[in-house]
PDB file of N, CA and C in Angstrom:
ATOM      1  N   MET A   1      89.513  84.043 108.074  1.00  0.00           N
ATOM      2  CA  MET A   1      90.803  84.344 107.714  1.00  0.00           C
ATOM      3  C   MET A   1      91.712  85.709 108.357  1.00  0.00           C
ATOM      4  N   PHE A   2      90.927  86.965 108.319  1.00  0.00           N
ATOM      5  CA  PHE A   2      91.452  88.005 108.651  1.00  0.00           C
ATOM      6  C   PHE A   2      92.123  87.826 110.111  1.00  0.00           C
ATOM      7  N   GLU A   3      91.441  87.141 110.879  1.00  0.00           N
ATOM      8  CA  GLU A   3      91.721  86.904 112.508  1.00  0.00           C
ATOM      9  C   GLU A   3      93.055  86.123 112.524  1.00  0.00           C
ATOM     10  N   LYS A   4      93.195  85.091 111.734  1.00  0.00           N
ATOM     11  CA  LYS A   4      94.125  84.179 111.704  1.00  0.00           C
ATOM     12  C   LYS A   4      95.559  84.799 111.368  1.00  0.00           C
ATOM     13  N   ILE A   5      95.351  85.699 110.111  1.00  0.00           N
ATOM     14  CA  ILE A   5      96.485  86.336 109.502  1.00  0.00           C
ATOM     15  C   ILE A   5      96.929  87.632 110.715  1.00  0.00           C
ATOM     16  N   LYS A   6      95.938  88.172 111.378  1.00  0.00           N
ATOM     17  CA  LYS A   6      95.991  89.239 112.189  1.00  0.00           C
ATOM     18  C   LYS A   6      96.985  88.495 113.618  1.00  0.00           C
ATOM     19  N   GLU A   7      96.522  87.111 114.184  1.00  0.00           N
ATOM     20  CA  GLU A   7      97.275  86.587 115.037  1.00  0.00           C
ATOM     21  C   GLU A   7      98.717  86.304 114.598  1.00  0.00           C
ATOM     22  N   ILE A   8      98.843  85.703 113.527  1.00  0.00           N
ATOM     23  CA  ILE A   8      99.956  85.494 112.927  1.00  0.00           C
ATOM     24  C   ILE A   8     100.900  86.705 112.981  1.00  0.00           C
ATOM     25  N   ILE A   9     100.763  87.999 112.626  1.00  0.00           N
ATOM     26  CA  ILE A   9     101.395  89.036 112.656  1.00  0.00           C
ATOM     27  C   ILE A   9     101.674  89.465 114.152  1.00  0.00           C
ATOM     28  N   VAL A  10     100.420  89.418 114.792  1.00  0.00           N
ATOM     29  CA  VAL A  10     100.999  90.044 116.029  1.00  0.00           C
ATOM     30  C   VAL A  10     101.754  89.124 116.961  1.00  0.00           C
ATOM     31  N   GLU A  11     101.921  88.044 116.760  1.00  0.00           N
ATOM     32  CA  GLU A  11     102.906  87.132 117.292  1.00  0.00           C
ATOM     33  C   GLU A  11     104.307  87.009 116.818  1.00  0.00           C
ATOM     34  N   GLN A  12     104.257  87.426 115.450  1.00  0.00           N
ATOM     35  CA  GLN A  12     105.615  87.702 114.595  1.00  0.00           C
ATOM     36  C   GLN A  12     106.275  88.745 115.123  1.00  0.00           C
ATOM     37  N   LEU A  13     105.464  89.876 115.144  1.00  0.00           N
ATOM     38  CA  LEU A  13     105.925  91.342 115.439  1.00  0.00           C
ATOM     39  C   LEU A  13     105.872  91.619 117.061  1.00  0.00           C
ATOM     40  N   ASN A  14     105.555  90.829 117.731  1.00  0.00           N
ATOM     41  CA  ASN A  14     105.223  91.033 119.362  1.00  0.00           C
ATOM     42  C   ASN A  14     104.721  92.158 119.826  1.00  0.00           C
ATOM     43  N   LEU A  15     103.666  92.303 119.159  1.00  0.00           N
ATOM     44  CA  LEU A  15     102.730  93.665 119.288  1.00  0.00           C
ATOM     45  C   LEU A  15     101.904  93.262 120.642  1.00  0.00           C
ATOM     46  N   ASP A  16     101.509  94.260 121.285  1.00  0.00           N
ATOM     47  CA  ASP A  16     101.149  94.236 122.366  1.00  0.00           C
ATOM     48  C   ASP A  16      99.400  94.852 122.139  1.00  0.00           C
ATOM     49  N   ASP A  17      99.036  95.386 121.078  1.00  0.00           N
ATOM     50  CA  ASP A  17      97.721  95.781 120.788  1.00  0.00           C
ATOM     51  C   ASP A  17      97.517  95.292 119.265  1.00  0.00           C
ATOM     52  N   ASP A  18      96.481  94.431 119.075  1.00  0.00           N
ATOM     53  CA  ASP A  18      96.086  94.034 117.883  1.00  0.00           C
ATOM     54  C   ASP A  18      95.197  94.950 117.354  1.00  0.00           C
ATOM     55  N   SER A  19      94.504  95.715 117.904  1.00  0.00           N
ATOM     56  CA  SER A  19      93.418  96.938 117.440  1.00  0.00           C
ATOM     57  C   SER A  19      94.403  97.682 116.329  1.00  0.00           C
ATOM     58  N   VAL A  20      95.758  97.781 116.261  1.00  0.00           N
ATOM     59  CA  VAL A  20      96.092  98.586 115.060  1.00  0.00           C
ATOM     60  C   VAL A  20      96.041  98.019 113.682  1.00  0.00           C
ATOM     61  N   ILE A  21      95.914  96.963 113.652  1.00  0.00           N
ATOM     62  CA  ILE A  21      95.667  96.012 112.451  1.00  0.00           C
ATOM     63  C   ILE A  21      94.168  96.016 111.859  1.00  0.00           C
ATOM     64  N   THR A  22      94.409  96.609 110.776  1.00  0.00           N
ATOM     65  CA  THR A  22      93.058  96.500 109.997  1.00  0.00           C
ATOM     66  C   THR A  22      93.422  96.017 108.462  1.00  0.00           C
ATOM     67  N   MET A  23      92.529  95.938 107.750  1.00  0.00           N
ATOM     68  CA  MET A  23      92.800  95.456 106.406  1.00  0.00           C
ATOM     69  C   MET A  23      93.641  96.091 105.393  1.00  0.00           C
ATOM     70  N   ASP A  24      93.786  97.739 105.769  1.00  0.00           N
ATOM     71  CA  ASP A  24      94.538  98.566 105.274  1.00  0.00           C
ATOM     72  C   ASP A  24      95.815  98.763 105.837  1.00  0.00           C
ATOM     73  N   THR A  25      95.970  98.068 106.873  1.00  0.00           N
ATOM     74  CA  THR A  25      97.504  98.301 107.652  1.00  0.00           C
ATOM     75  C   THR A  25      98.497  97.737 106.488  1.00  0.00           C
ATOM     76  N   ASP A  26      99.716  98.336 106.423  1.00  0.00           N
ATOM     77  CA  ASP A  26     100.788  98.403 105.717  1.00  0.00           C
ATOM     78  C   ASP A  26     101.904  97.787 106.493  1.00  0.00           C
ATOM     79  N   LEU A  27     102.311  96.598 106.380  1.00  0.00           N
ATOM     80  CA  LEU A  27     103.383  95.890 107.093  1.00  0.00           C
ATOM     81  C   LEU A  27     104.642  96.673 107.425  1.00  0.00           C
ATOM     82  N   MET A  28     105.062  97.264 106.338  1.00  0.00           N
ATOM     83  CA  MET A  28     106.224  98.032 106.583  1.00  0.00           C
ATOM     84  C   MET A  28     106.123  99.400 107.428  1.00  0.00           C
ATOM     85  N   GLU A  29     105.402  99.973 106.509  1.00  0.00           N
ATOM     86  CA  GLU A  29     104.918 101.521 107.119  1.00  0.00           C
ATOM     87  C   GLU A  29     104.267 101.611 108.325  1.00  0.00           C
ATOM     88  N   ASP A  30     102.887 100.900 108.715  1.00  0.00           N
ATOM     89  CA  ASP A  30     102.143 101.258 109.611  1.00  0.00           C
ATOM     90  C   ASP A  30     103.048 100.317 110.907  1.00  0.00           C
ATOM     91  N   LEU A  31     103.509  98.908 110.772  1.00  0.00           N
ATOM     92  CA  LEU A  31     104.107  98.128 111.963  1.00  0.00           C
ATOM     93  C   LEU A  31     105.479  98.086 111.765  1.00  0.00           C
ATOM     94  N   ASP A  32     106.281  98.754 110.932  1.00  0.00           N
ATOM     95  CA  ASP A  32     107.545  98.808 111.150  1.00  0.00           C
ATOM     96  C   ASP A  32     108.134  97.536 111.142  1.00  0.00           C
ATOM     97  N   ALA A  33     107.673  96.830 110.226  1.00  0.00           N
ATOM     98  CA  ALA A  33     108.204  95.161 109.868  1.00  0.00           C
ATOM     99  C   ALA A  33     109.188  95.738 108.800  1.00  0.00           C
ATOM    100  N   ASP A  34     110.318  94.985 109.098  1.00  0.00           N
ATOM    101  CA  ASP A  34     111.477  94.859 108.086  1.00  0.00           C
ATOM    102  C   ASP A  34     111.381  93.707 107.269  1.00  0.00           C
ATOM    103  N   SER A  35     112.023  93.601 106.145  1.00  0.00           N
ATOM    104  CA  SER A  35     112.174  92.499 105.327  1.00  0.00           C
ATOM    105  C   SER A  35     111.938  91.134 105.514  1.00  0.00           C
ATOM    106  N   LEU A  36     112.992  90.642 106.913  1.00  0.00           N
ATOM    107  CA  LEU A  36     112.944  89.853 107.593  1.00  0.00           C
ATOM    108  C   LEU A  36     111.751  89.204 108.166  1.00  0.00           C
ATOM    109  N   ASP A  37     111.164  90.148 108.730  1.00  0.00           N
ATOM    110  CA  ASP A  37     109.786  90.053 109.497  1.00  0.00           C
ATOM    111  C   ASP A  37     108.777  89.753 108.323  1.00  0.00           C
ATOM    112  N   ALA A  38     108.681  90.423 107.424  1.00  0.00           N
ATOM    113  CA  ALA A  38     107.912  89.938 106.304  1.00  0.00           C
ATOM    114  C   ALA A  38     107.900  88.534 105.733  1.00  0.00           C
ATOM    115  N   VAL A  39     109.134  88.287 105.774  1.00  0.00           N
ATOM    116  CA  VAL A  39     109.616  86.793 104.901  1.00  0.00           C
ATOM    117  C   VAL A  39     109.043  85.721 106.206  1.00  0.00           C
ATOM    118  N   GLU A  40     109.269  86.196 107.516  1.00  0.00           N
ATOM    119  CA  GLU A  40     108.796  85.193 108.445  1.00  0.00           C
ATOM    120  C   GLU A  40     107.356  85.099 108.628  1.00  0.00           C
ATOM    121  N   ILE A  41     106.682  86.338 108.335  1.00  0.00           N
ATOM    122  CA  ILE A  41     105.211  86.207 108.236  1.00  0.00           C
ATOM    123  C   ILE A  41     104.718  85.414 107.220  1.00  0.00           C
ATOM    124  N   ILE A  42     105.069  85.748 106.187  1.00  0.00           N
ATOM    125  CA  ILE A  42     104.598  84.588 105.187  1.00  0.00           C
ATOM    126  C   ILE A  42     104.902  83.565 105.063  1.00  0.00           C
ATOM    127  N   MET A  43     105.925  82.925 105.830  1.00  0.00           N
ATOM    128  CA  MET A  43     106.356  81.474 105.854  1.00  0.00           C
ATOM    129  C   MET A  43     105.336  81.164 106.952  1.00  0.00           C
ATOM    130  N   ASN A  44     105.027  81.815 107.940  1.00  0.00           N
ATOM    131  CA  ASN A  44     103.875  81.268 108.847  1.00  0.00           C
ATOM    132  C   ASN A  44     102.822  81.186 108.447  1.00  0.00           C
ATOM    133  N   ILE A  45     102.298  82.185 107.371  1.00  0.00           N
ATOM    134  CA  ILE A  45     101.219  81.927 106.673  1.00  0.00           C
ATOM    135  C   ILE A  45     101.008  80.872 105.902  1.00  0.00           C
ATOM    136  N   GLU A  46     102.121  80.494 105.218  1.00  0.00           N
ATOM    137  CA  GLU A  46     102.127  79.496 104.243  1.00  0.00           C
ATOM    138  C   GLU A  46     102.129  78.205 105.092  1.00  0.00           C
ATOM    139  N   GLU A  47     102.568  77.941 106.393  1.00  0.00           N
ATOM    140  CA  GLU A  47     102.535  76.845 107.087  1.00  0.00           C
ATOM    141  C   GLU A  47     101.165  76.823 107.567  1.00  0.00           C
ATOM    142  N   GLU A  48     100.354  77.697 108.172  1.00  0.00           N
ATOM    143  CA  GLU A  48      99.316  77.878 108.809  1.00  0.00           C
ATOM    144  C   GLU A  48      98.345  77.277 107.724  1.00  0.00           C
ATOM    145  N   PHE A  49      98.002  77.897 106.345  1.00  0.00           N
ATOM    146  CA  PHE A  49      97.344  77.549 105.181  1.00  0.00           C
ATOM    147  C   PHE A  49      97.670  76.425 104.594  1.00  0.00           C
ATOM    148  N   ASP A  50      98.910  75.774 104.596  1.00  0.00           N
ATOM    149  CA  ASP A  50      99.239  74.748 103.745  1.00  0.00           C
ATOM    150  C   ASP A  50      99.543  75.291 102.393  1.00  0.00           C
ATOM    151  N   ILE A  51     100.222  76.239 102.035  1.00  0.00           N
ATOM    152  CA  ILE A  51     100.291  76.581 100.514  1.00  0.00           C
ATOM    153  C   ILE A  51     101.699  77.042 100.388  1.00  0.00           C
ATOM    154  N   LYS A  52     102.088  77.322  99.188  1.00  0.00           N
ATOM    155  CA  LYS A  52     103.322  77.738  98.939  1.00  0.00           C
ATOM    156  C   LYS A  52     103.151  79.183  98.213  1.00  0.00           C
ATOM    157  N   ILE A  53     103.550  79.956  98.689  1.00  0.00           N
ATOM    158  CA  ILE A  53     103.748  81.336  98.123  1.00  0.00           C
ATOM    159  C   ILE A  53     104.993  81.860  97.352  1.00  0.00           C
ATOM    160  N   PRO A  54     105.244  81.734  95.923  1.00  0.00           N
ATOM    161  CA  PRO A  54     106.096  81.891  95.120  1.00  0.00           C
ATOM    162  C   PRO A  54     107.073  83.241  95.490  1.00  0.00           C
ATOM    163  N   ASP A  55     108.360  83.495  95.665  1.00  0.00           N
ATOM    164  CA  ASP A  55     108.726  84.544  96.028  1.00  0.00           C
ATOM    165  C   ASP A  55     108.640  85.861  95.180  1.00  0.00           C
ATOM    166  N   GLU A  56     108.457  85.787  93.934  1.00  0.00           N
ATOM    167  CA  GLU A  56     107.836  86.763  92.942  1.00  0.00           C
ATOM    168  C   GLU A  56     106.380  87.239  93.367  1.00  0.00           C
ATOM    169  N   ASP A  57     105.592  86.514  93.935  1.00  0.00           N
ATOM    170  CA  ASP A  57     104.351  87.139  94.418  1.00  0.00           C
ATOM    171  C   ASP A  57     104.372  87.805  95.658  1.00  0.00           C
ATOM    172  N   ILE A  58     105.314  87.581  96.376  1.00  0.00           N
ATOM    173  CA  ILE A  58     105.388  88.364  97.710  1.00  0.00           C
ATOM    174  C   ILE A  58     105.886  89.768  97.655  1.00  0.00           C
ATOM    175  N   GLU A  59     106.457  90.338  96.441  1.00  0.00           N
ATOM    176  CA  GLU A  59     106.684  91.434  96.339  1.00  0.00           C
ATOM    177  C   GLU A  59     105.671  92.476  96.239  1.00  0.00           C
ATOM    178  N   GLY A  60     104.727  92.095  95.807  1.00  0.00           N
ATOM    179  CA  GLY A  60     103.443  92.901  95.584  1.00  0.00           C
ATOM    180  C   GLY A  60     102.673  92.981  96.628  1.00  0.00           C
ATOM    181  N   VAL A  61     102.882  92.282  97.976  1.00  0.00           N
ATOM    182  CA  VAL A  61     102.274  92.423  98.970  1.00  0.00           C
ATOM    183  C   VAL A  61     102.681  93.403 100.220  1.00  0.00           C
ATOM    184  N   ARG A  62     101.648  94.455 100.508  1.00  0.00           N
ATOM    185  CA  ARG A  62     101.983  95.315 101.576  1.00  0.00           C
ATOM    186  C   ARG A  62     101.317  95.394 102.554  1.00  0.00           C
ATOM    187  N   THR A  63      99.852  95.050 102.194  1.00  0.00           N
ATOM    188  CA  THR A  63      98.768  95.524 103.247  1.00  0.00           C
ATOM    189  C   THR A  63      98.209  94.125 103.710  1.00  0.00           C
ATOM    190  N   ILE A  64      97.284  93.881 104.693  1.00  0.00           N
ATOM    191  CA  ILE A  64      96.549  93.109 105.322  1.00  0.00           C
ATOM    192  C   ILE A  64      95.637  92.524 103.882  1.00  0.00           C
ATOM    193  N   ALA A  65      95.120  93.610 103.355  1.00  0.00           N
ATOM    194  CA  ALA A  65      93.980  93.087 102.425  1.00  0.00           C
ATOM    195  C   ALA A  65      94.795  92.579 101.458  1.00  0.00           C
ATOM    196  N   ASP A  66      95.764  92.807 100.858  1.00  0.00           N
ATOM    197  CA  ASP A  66      96.837  92.355  99.905  1.00  0.00           C
ATOM    198  C   ASP A  66      96.945  90.694 100.116  1.00  0.00           C
ATOM    199  N   ILE A  67      97.316  90.389 101.244  1.00  0.00           N
ATOM    200  CA  ILE A  67      97.373  88.869 101.800  1.00  0.00           C
ATOM    201  C   ILE A  67      96.221  88.120 101.593  1.00  0.00           C
ATOM    202  N   ILE A  68      95.283  88.830 102.266  1.00  0.00           N
ATOM    203  CA  ILE A  68      93.974  88.098 102.010  1.00  0.00           C
ATOM    204  C   ILE A  68      93.518  87.609 100.619  1.00  0.00           C
ATOM    205  N   ASN A  69      93.663  88.908  99.979  1.00  0.00           N
ATOM    206  CA  ASN A  69      92.990  88.733  98.390  1.00  0.00           C
ATOM    207  C   ASN A  69      94.049  87.788  97.694  1.00  0.00           C
ATOM    208  N   PHE A  70      95.377  87.606  98.005  1.00  0.00           N
ATOM    209  CA  PHE A  70      96.175  86.727  97.311  1.00  0.00           C
ATOM    210  C   PHE A  70      95.870  85.217  97.790  1.00  0.00           C
ATOM    211  N   LEU A  71      95.464  85.178  98.985  1.00  0.00           N
ATOM    212  CA  LEU A  71      95.108  83.778  99.375  1.00  0.00           C
ATOM    213  C   LEU A  71      93.813  83.553  98.841  1.00  0.00           C
ATOM    214  N   GLU A  72      92.929  84.286  98.760  1.00  0.00           N
ATOM    215  CA  GLU A  72      91.630  84.129  98.051  1.00  0.00           C
ATOM    216  C   GLU A  72      91.691  83.564  96.961  1.00  0.00           C
ATOM    217  N   GLU A  73      92.683  84.278  95.903  1.00  0.00           N
ATOM    218  CA  GLU A  73      92.868  83.924  94.720  1.00  0.00           C
ATOM    219  C   GLU A  73      93.389  82.283  94.327  1.00  0.00           C
ATOM    220  N   LEU A  74      94.334  81.883  95.607  1.00  0.00           N
ATOM    221  CA  LEU A  74      94.767  80.467  95.474  1.00  0.00           C
ATOM    222  C   LEU A  74      93.969  79.448  95.587  1.00  0.00           C
ATOM    223  N   LYS A  75      92.754  80.070  96.021  1.00  0.00           N
ATOM    224  CA  LYS A  75      91.873  78.786  96.496  1.00  0.00           C
ATOM    225  C   LYS A  75      91.106  78.303  95.117  1.00  0.00           C
TER     226      LYS A  75
END
């Protein structure tokens, strides 16, 4: 799951080096993602995993670990 999420983020943010992405990577602070980037990342994750993430749940998502933990709770 981590690798797929990393792939989505690298593609969305046009990153050249995916080694900067770890479980502790903060989308906003570490990758300079803005709110539009974050929304598009979440939409791509929803599409990839065929899920719907309520908007109120997105507010607490900051790191890659947050994303993975949230997705695991949905299973």
